[in-house]
Protein backbone atom coordinates (compact mmCIF):
# COMPACT_ATOMS: atom_id res chain seq x y z
CA MET A 1 44.09 -64.07 62.62
CA VAL A 2 47.74 -64.03 64.00
CA ARG A 3 47.09 -60.71 65.48
CA ASN A 4 43.59 -61.94 67.26
CA ILE A 5 45.34 -64.25 68.47
CA SER A 6 48.56 -61.70 69.27
CA PHE A 7 45.88 -59.68 70.91
CA ILE A 8 44.10 -62.43 72.86
CA THR A 9 47.59 -63.31 74.39
CA LYS A 10 48.22 -59.65 75.33
CA VAL A 11 44.91 -59.77 77.30
CA LYS A 12 45.42 -62.66 79.26
CA SER A 13 49.18 -61.10 80.10
CA LEU A 14 47.03 -58.25 81.41
CA TYR A 15 45.22 -60.16 83.74
CA ARG A 16 48.17 -62.02 84.72
CA GLN A 17 50.23 -58.89 85.60
CA ASN A 18 46.93 -56.88 86.13
CA PRO A 19 44.15 -58.63 87.46
CA LEU A 20 42.41 -55.94 89.42
CA ILE A 21 41.72 -53.90 86.09
CA ALA A 22 40.96 -56.88 84.05
CA LEU A 23 38.25 -57.61 86.72
CA SER A 24 37.27 -54.13 87.27
CA MET A 25 36.54 -54.49 83.48
CA LEU A 26 34.34 -57.25 84.43
CA TRP A 27 32.42 -55.15 87.59
CA VAL A 28 31.79 -52.54 85.16
CA MET A 29 29.62 -54.67 82.61
CA VAL A 30 27.93 -56.92 85.03
CA VAL A 31 27.45 -54.72 88.54
CA PRO A 32 24.97 -51.79 87.01
CA VAL A 33 23.38 -53.92 85.56
CA LEU A 34 22.41 -56.18 88.55
CA GLY A 35 22.30 -52.54 90.54
CA SER A 36 19.62 -51.26 87.84
CA SER A 37 17.50 -54.12 88.73
CA LEU A 38 17.31 -53.74 92.17
CA LEU A 39 17.25 -49.83 91.72
CA VAL A 40 14.13 -50.42 90.09
CA ARG A 41 12.82 -52.33 92.12
CA TYR A 42 13.21 -50.64 95.01
CA ALA A 43 11.80 -47.21 92.91
CA TYR A 44 8.51 -49.90 92.50
CA GLN A 45 8.09 -50.45 96.21
CA HIS A 46 9.02 -46.76 96.91
CA GLN A 47 6.23 -45.07 94.47
CA GLU A 48 5.34 -42.82 96.67
CA VAL A 49 8.29 -40.24 96.93
CA SER A 50 7.61 -36.38 98.29
CA GLY A 51 8.43 -33.89 95.18
CA VAL A 52 9.32 -31.23 97.87
CA VAL A 53 13.34 -31.85 98.21
CA HIS A 54 14.72 -30.24 101.43
CA ALA A 55 18.71 -29.30 101.67
CA SER A 56 19.65 -32.01 103.41
CA GLU A 57 18.63 -34.16 100.89
CA TYR A 58 19.47 -32.24 98.49
CA LEU A 59 22.92 -32.92 99.67
CA LEU A 60 22.58 -37.12 100.37
CA PHE A 61 20.93 -37.19 96.50
CA ILE A 62 24.29 -35.48 94.96
CA LEU A 63 26.86 -38.28 97.05
CA ALA A 64 24.41 -41.32 97.23
CA GLY A 65 24.29 -40.64 93.38
CA ALA A 66 28.06 -39.52 93.37
CA PHE A 67 29.00 -42.82 95.03
CA LEU A 68 26.37 -44.83 93.05
CA MET A 69 27.50 -44.09 89.96
CA GLY A 70 31.41 -43.70 90.35
CA LEU A 71 31.44 -47.08 92.02
CA ALA A 72 29.51 -48.70 88.99
CA ILE A 73 26.70 -49.69 91.49
CA SER A 74 23.92 -48.18 88.99
CA PRO A 75 23.56 -46.47 85.93
CA THR A 76 23.04 -42.80 84.81
CA THR A 77 20.54 -43.72 82.81
CA ILE A 78 18.24 -44.74 86.00
CA LEU A 79 19.02 -42.22 87.99
CA ALA A 80 18.18 -39.11 86.04
CA ILE A 81 14.97 -41.07 84.48
CA LEU A 82 14.12 -41.36 88.38
CA ALA A 83 14.97 -37.43 89.94
CA GLY A 84 12.69 -36.39 86.59
CA TYR A 85 9.71 -38.21 87.26
CA TRP A 86 9.87 -37.54 91.08
CA TRP A 87 11.27 -34.11 91.92
CA GLY A 88 11.69 -32.34 88.06
CA TRP A 89 13.54 -29.12 87.24
CA PRO A 90 14.38 -28.43 90.94
CA VAL A 91 16.70 -31.56 91.02
CA PHE A 92 18.38 -31.55 87.76
CA PRO A 93 21.37 -29.37 89.07
CA ALA A 94 22.07 -32.05 91.77
CA VAL A 95 21.58 -34.75 89.16
CA ILE A 96 24.17 -33.07 86.91
CA ILE A 97 26.71 -32.07 90.08
CA SER A 98 26.45 -35.99 90.86
CA TYR A 99 27.75 -37.35 87.65
CA SER A 100 30.55 -35.61 87.48
CA LEU A 101 31.36 -36.32 90.93
CA ALA A 102 31.42 -39.57 89.53
CA SER A 103 33.21 -39.46 86.55
CA LEU A 104 36.17 -38.16 88.72
CA ILE A 105 35.46 -41.03 91.12
CA GLY A 106 35.70 -43.06 88.37
CA TYR A 107 38.50 -41.67 86.66
CA GLY A 108 40.29 -41.54 89.69
CA LEU A 109 39.85 -45.36 90.59
CA GLY A 110 40.32 -46.43 87.44
CA LEU A 111 43.46 -44.79 87.51
CA ALA A 112 44.54 -46.23 90.92
CA LEU A 113 44.11 -50.01 89.63
CA ASP A 114 45.62 -48.94 86.33
CA LYS A 115 49.68 -50.51 85.37
CA ASN A 116 50.16 -49.17 82.51
CA SER A 117 47.16 -51.60 80.98
CA LEU A 118 47.61 -49.86 77.36
CA GLU A 119 51.35 -50.55 77.12
CA ILE A 120 50.78 -54.14 77.55
CA LEU A 121 47.35 -54.32 75.37
CA LEU A 122 49.30 -52.38 72.37
CA LYS A 123 52.47 -53.83 72.73
CA ASN A 124 52.83 -55.32 69.22
CA TYR A 125 50.55 -52.62 67.71
CA PRO A 126 53.23 -49.75 67.94
CA LYS A 127 50.87 -47.29 65.35
CA ALA A 128 47.67 -47.42 67.83
CA ASN A 129 50.22 -46.87 70.95
CA ALA A 130 51.77 -43.86 68.77
CA LEU A 131 48.58 -42.57 68.18
CA PHE A 132 46.85 -42.58 71.46
CA LYS A 133 50.51 -39.88 72.13
CA ASP A 134 50.23 -37.94 69.35
CA LYS A 135 47.27 -37.07 69.87
CA ARG A 136 47.31 -36.74 73.97
CA SER A 137 46.13 -32.58 73.76
CA ASN A 138 43.38 -33.61 71.69
CA LEU A 139 41.88 -36.17 74.30
CA GLY A 140 39.11 -33.77 75.46
CA SER A 141 37.55 -34.71 71.80
CA LEU A 142 37.25 -38.20 72.40
CA VAL A 143 36.09 -38.07 75.89
CA PHE A 144 33.12 -35.48 74.69
CA PHE A 145 32.04 -38.06 71.75
CA THR A 146 32.39 -41.17 74.16
CA ARG A 147 30.60 -39.68 76.57
CA ILE A 148 27.72 -38.09 74.49
CA SER A 149 27.79 -41.89 73.16
CA PRO A 150 23.93 -43.63 74.26
CA VAL A 151 24.93 -47.29 74.47
CA ILE A 152 29.08 -46.88 75.59
CA PRO A 153 28.80 -47.61 79.20
CA PHE A 154 29.53 -44.36 82.28
CA ALA A 155 31.63 -46.61 84.05
CA LEU A 156 33.27 -48.69 81.32
CA SER A 157 34.30 -45.41 79.70
CA ASN A 158 35.58 -44.13 83.14
CA ILE A 159 37.77 -47.32 82.97
CA LEU A 160 39.10 -46.99 79.45
CA PHE A 161 39.72 -42.62 80.00
CA ALA A 162 41.61 -44.27 82.65
CA MET A 163 43.76 -46.26 80.80
CA ILE A 164 44.90 -43.65 78.16
CA LYS A 165 45.38 -41.29 80.79
CA ALA A 166 42.31 -38.65 79.36
CA GLY A 167 43.59 -35.85 81.97
CA TRP A 168 41.24 -34.73 85.06
CA LYS A 169 40.65 -31.37 83.42
CA ASN A 170 39.33 -33.32 80.28
CA ILE A 171 37.34 -35.61 82.34
CA LEU A 172 35.56 -32.89 84.13
CA LEU A 173 35.10 -30.14 81.30
CA TYR A 174 34.07 -32.57 78.27
CA GLY A 175 32.70 -35.26 79.95
CA PHE A 176 30.35 -32.78 81.58
CA LEU A 177 29.27 -31.34 78.15
CA GLY A 178 29.07 -35.06 76.71
CA MET A 179 27.25 -36.47 79.20
CA LEU A 180 24.73 -33.46 79.17
CA PRO A 181 22.85 -34.06 76.35
CA ARG A 182 21.82 -38.08 76.95
CA THR A 183 21.07 -37.05 80.86
CA LEU A 184 19.13 -34.15 79.26
CA MET A 185 17.04 -36.90 77.91
CA ALA A 186 16.65 -39.00 80.36
CA PHE A 187 16.09 -36.45 82.83
CA GLY A 188 12.91 -35.71 80.53
CA ILE A 189 11.54 -39.40 80.22
CA GLY A 190 10.81 -39.45 83.73
CA LEU A 191 9.77 -35.77 83.75
CA ALA A 192 7.12 -36.47 80.88
CA ALA A 193 5.89 -39.45 82.64
CA SER A 194 2.62 -39.64 83.98
CA SER A 195 3.55 -42.69 86.19
CA LEU A 196 6.82 -44.66 87.28
CA SER A 197 5.96 -47.55 85.10
CA ALA A 198 5.74 -45.10 81.91
CA ALA A 199 9.18 -43.16 83.01
CA LEU A 200 11.64 -46.64 83.38
CA ASP A 201 9.31 -49.70 80.65
CA ASN A 202 8.52 -47.07 78.12
CA ARG A 203 11.21 -45.48 76.19
CA THR A 204 10.59 -45.71 72.27
CA ASP A 205 8.68 -43.18 71.42
CA THR A 206 9.33 -40.93 68.50
CA VAL A 207 11.35 -38.07 69.90
CA GLN A 208 13.67 -40.33 72.05
CA LEU A 209 13.97 -42.83 69.24
CA LEU A 210 15.30 -39.72 67.44
CA LEU A 211 17.33 -38.51 70.16
CA PHE A 212 19.31 -41.57 70.37
CA ILE A 213 20.30 -42.18 66.76
CA LEU A 214 21.81 -38.18 66.55
CA LEU A 215 23.53 -38.91 69.47
CA LEU A 216 25.11 -42.11 68.24
CA GLY A 217 25.59 -40.68 65.03
CA ALA A 218 27.11 -37.58 66.77
CA SER A 219 29.15 -40.12 69.01
CA ILE A 220 30.37 -42.48 66.00
CA TRP A 221 31.01 -39.31 63.54
CA GLY A 222 33.23 -37.79 66.39
CA ILE A 223 35.23 -41.00 67.46
CA GLY A 224 35.58 -41.82 64.22
CA ARG A 225 37.12 -38.34 63.26
CA PHE A 226 39.55 -38.55 66.45
CA PHE A 227 41.29 -41.82 64.76
CA LYS A 228 41.38 -40.73 61.52
CA THR A 229 42.57 -37.20 61.72
CA LYS A 230 46.25 -35.95 61.89
CA ALA A 231 47.42 -34.99 65.57
CA SER A 232 47.80 -30.63 66.17
């Protein structure tokens, strides 16, 4: 109980010392939900989209997707589903590029807002603080298994990665590899859907559920292993 009170006190202290990082945490938990609703509404109002993507539109999709996801305005899942439904495989590389850029944008913003927030939160938890310092060479594994999780929001993980100083290389490489399975799953939902409503509303078939469980299980195992194994 004392530990819980102490941690809550540290959260309050973090807000006083760095309100921007606290507000950014609130932003990444609330705004993507609102953005998703607006994007879905727009999609229903503009269902007749050309299946042909020209070079200029391809570039626009990459840039728009990168900023929408990087600034936590839209979740990655919705954009991947819509891209799969409207344009199919030709636009899949653009989805990959856009979420990779979004990872860098989100991580960069997190670093700019962070003022040693982790040190403040873990000041009374020396073992936890030492763990992150001792396992800096293994942070790529944590990034990968966090990204692969279908329940950890993309934007929230960007802030968390910034707080632990995960590193640009880990974000780009292991973040890319971790996002690939869940992006393929979302993209495949749009690709296989016979209508927009089927793509956006019906995501509970057996294959999707099995993939969800598989990715969640892999994520839990990998994150747990990171915290349990000794630093190399």
